[in-house]
């Protein structure tokens, strides 16, 4: 029962909704940069470059907006470095899940098979869900202030005890 309460208190919040909206804005930024760059400077190498540029710019947008609107805090060197590490790990996780799932569906299904096409479309949705949760948990660890004496969020601290 505790796990369900923890999931509810973490993911069914205004903070998570704000995080998701910012994620959607970052997604649109990524796609906008990718489409602009790849359509104006078309060749195969530019797809990789434009995708990389889109990822970097979207990550910067995500960081700035999450600092300001989701966590309502100030940016500093520590949060910047930890966020960069999070974005790199998120990118690696995305690649790992995508390539791993694609390898499995190529083994299990024929390329022209309905199920192959179905899972090919479903993989990005699954990957997005996993990496969204991963990034949200990481950002909570980075941006939420912890009370050292309790090891919990300040707002969840017991009412009968005071901290300085």
Protein backbone atom coordinates (compact mmCIF):
# COMPACT_ATOMS: atom_id res chain seq x y z
CA UNK A 1 0.00 0.00 0.00
CA UNK A 2 2.89 2.35 0.78
CA UNK A 3 4.18 2.11 -2.80
CA UNK A 4 0.82 3.27 -4.21
CA UNK A 5 0.74 6.23 -1.82
CA UNK A 6 4.30 7.14 -2.81
CA UNK A 7 3.46 6.92 -6.53
CA UNK A 8 0.33 9.03 -6.01
CA UNK A 9 2.14 11.67 -3.94
CA UNK A 10 4.96 11.85 -6.51
CA UNK A 11 3.26 11.63 -9.89
CA UNK A 12 -0.28 12.94 -9.30
CA UNK A 13 0.84 16.44 -8.40
CA UNK A 14 0.84 19.92 -9.86
CA UNK A 15 4.64 19.69 -9.92
CA UNK A 16 4.58 16.61 -12.16
CA UNK A 17 1.98 18.16 -14.45
CA UNK A 18 4.16 21.28 -14.78
CA UNK A 19 7.16 19.04 -15.47
CA UNK A 20 5.20 17.23 -18.22
CA UNK A 21 4.08 20.48 -19.85
CA UNK A 22 7.68 21.70 -19.86
CA UNK A 23 8.72 18.35 -21.32
CA UNK A 24 6.22 18.87 -24.15
CA UNK A 25 7.64 22.36 -24.78
CA UNK A 26 11.15 20.86 -24.84
CA UNK A 27 9.93 18.19 -27.27
CA UNK A 28 8.48 20.83 -29.59
CA UNK A 29 11.75 22.78 -29.34
CA UNK A 30 13.76 19.67 -30.21
CA UNK A 31 11.55 18.86 -33.19
CA UNK A 32 11.50 22.48 -34.36
CA UNK A 33 15.30 22.74 -34.35
CA UNK A 34 15.62 19.33 -36.00
CA UNK A 35 13.11 20.10 -38.74
CA UNK A 36 14.45 23.58 -39.41
CA UNK A 37 18.08 22.50 -39.59
CA UNK A 38 17.54 19.26 -41.50
CA UNK A 39 15.19 20.86 -44.05
CA UNK A 40 17.50 23.80 -44.75
CA UNK A 41 20.78 21.86 -44.86
CA UNK A 42 19.69 18.50 -46.20
CA UNK A 43 22.00 15.52 -46.34
CA UNK A 44 22.27 12.37 -44.24
CA UNK A 45 24.96 13.72 -41.90
CA UNK A 46 22.86 16.76 -41.09
CA UNK A 47 20.07 14.63 -39.62
CA UNK A 48 22.46 13.52 -36.88
CA UNK A 49 23.75 17.05 -36.38
CA UNK A 50 20.26 18.57 -36.36
CA UNK A 51 19.01 15.93 -33.94
CA UNK A 52 21.98 16.59 -31.65
CA UNK A 53 21.43 20.36 -31.83
CA UNK A 54 17.74 19.87 -31.09
CA UNK A 55 18.56 17.68 -28.07
CA UNK A 56 21.03 20.22 -26.64
CA UNK A 57 18.74 23.23 -27.15
CA UNK A 58 15.70 21.34 -25.80
CA UNK A 59 17.73 20.26 -22.75
CA UNK A 60 18.67 23.89 -22.05
CA UNK A 61 15.03 24.97 -22.42
CA UNK A 62 13.93 22.12 -20.14
CA UNK A 63 16.50 23.04 -17.48
CA UNK A 64 15.64 26.76 -17.47
CA UNK A 65 11.87 26.23 -17.41
CA UNK A 66 12.00 23.50 -14.75
CA UNK A 67 14.19 25.62 -12.48
CA UNK A 68 11.80 28.55 -12.81
CA UNK A 69 8.35 26.91 -12.92
CA UNK A 70 8.52 23.34 -11.60
CA UNK A 71 10.99 23.71 -8.73
CA UNK A 72 10.86 27.51 -8.27
CA UNK A 73 14.50 27.75 -7.31
CA UNK A 74 17.70 29.40 -8.45
CA UNK A 75 20.16 27.92 -10.91
CA UNK A 76 23.68 27.21 -9.69
CA UNK A 77 26.77 25.36 -10.88
CA UNK A 78 25.89 22.18 -8.98
CA UNK A 79 22.38 21.89 -10.45
CA UNK A 80 23.70 22.69 -13.93
CA UNK A 81 26.32 19.92 -13.78
CA UNK A 82 23.92 17.38 -12.27
CA UNK A 83 21.28 18.26 -14.88
CA UNK A 84 23.79 17.82 -17.71
CA UNK A 85 24.67 14.40 -16.30
CA UNK A 86 20.94 13.59 -16.10
CA UNK A 87 20.40 14.64 -19.74
CA UNK A 88 23.35 12.52 -20.88
CA UNK A 89 22.07 9.51 -18.93
CA UNK A 90 18.57 10.12 -20.32
CA UNK A 91 19.98 10.18 -23.85
CA UNK A 92 21.88 6.92 -23.23
CA UNK A 93 18.77 5.34 -21.69
CA UNK A 94 16.70 6.42 -24.70
CA UNK A 95 19.18 4.87 -27.12
CA UNK A 96 19.49 1.68 -25.08
CA UNK A 97 15.74 1.14 -24.79
CA UNK A 98 15.15 2.00 -28.46
CA UNK A 99 17.90 -0.21 -29.86
CA UNK A 100 17.11 -3.03 -27.43
CA UNK A 101 13.40 -3.03 -28.25
CA UNK A 102 14.05 -2.72 -31.99
CA UNK A 103 16.41 -5.69 -31.85
CA UNK A 104 13.77 -7.76 -30.07
CA UNK A 105 10.96 -6.93 -32.47
CA UNK A 106 13.22 -7.66 -35.45
CA UNK A 107 13.84 -11.10 -33.97
CA UNK A 108 10.20 -11.75 -33.06
CA UNK A 109 8.42 -10.25 -36.07
CA UNK A 110 8.84 -9.90 -39.82
CA UNK A 111 9.42 -6.29 -40.97
CA UNK A 112 6.13 -6.30 -42.87
CA UNK A 113 4.19 -7.86 -40.03
CA UNK A 114 1.41 -5.80 -38.38
CA UNK A 115 2.92 -6.41 -34.93
CA UNK A 116 6.32 -5.19 -36.09
CA UNK A 117 4.77 -1.88 -37.22
CA UNK A 118 2.66 -1.69 -34.05
CA UNK A 119 5.65 -2.08 -31.73
CA UNK A 120 7.75 0.21 -33.91
CA UNK A 121 5.23 2.97 -33.15
CA UNK A 122 4.85 1.95 -29.51
CA UNK A 123 8.59 1.98 -28.67
CA UNK A 124 8.94 5.79 -28.66
CA UNK A 125 5.88 6.07 -26.39
CA UNK A 126 7.34 3.50 -23.98
CA UNK A 127 10.78 5.14 -24.13
CA UNK A 128 9.30 8.56 -23.43
CA UNK A 129 7.38 7.26 -20.42
CA UNK A 130 10.47 5.59 -18.93
CA UNK A 131 12.80 8.55 -19.53
CA UNK A 132 10.20 11.05 -18.30
CA UNK A 133 9.93 9.22 -14.98
CA UNK A 134 13.73 8.85 -14.82
CA UNK A 135 14.31 12.57 -15.42
CA UNK A 136 11.59 13.62 -12.96
CA UNK A 137 13.08 11.47 -10.19
CA UNK A 138 16.59 12.78 -10.95
CA UNK A 139 15.40 16.40 -11.01
CA UNK A 140 13.59 15.88 -7.70
CA UNK A 141 16.86 14.68 -6.20
CA UNK A 142 18.72 17.64 -7.72
CA UNK A 143 16.29 20.48 -7.02
CA UNK A 144 14.26 19.59 -3.94
CA UNK A 145 15.77 20.79 -0.69
CA UNK A 146 16.22 18.00 1.81
CA UNK A 147 16.19 18.31 5.57
CA UNK A 148 19.38 16.53 6.64
CA UNK A 149 18.06 15.58 10.07
CA UNK A 150 15.06 13.73 8.58
CA UNK A 151 16.21 12.86 5.05
CA UNK A 152 12.81 13.87 3.73
CA UNK A 153 11.37 16.91 2.00
CA UNK A 154 10.98 19.92 4.27
CA UNK A 155 7.28 20.13 3.47
CA UNK A 156 6.78 16.53 4.63
CA UNK A 157 8.55 17.03 7.94
CA UNK A 158 6.52 16.07 11.03
CA UNK A 159 4.63 19.05 12.49
CA UNK A 160 5.64 18.44 16.08
CA UNK A 161 9.36 18.86 15.44
CA UNK A 162 11.20 22.02 14.43
CA UNK A 163 14.35 22.47 12.38
CA UNK A 164 16.65 25.40 12.22
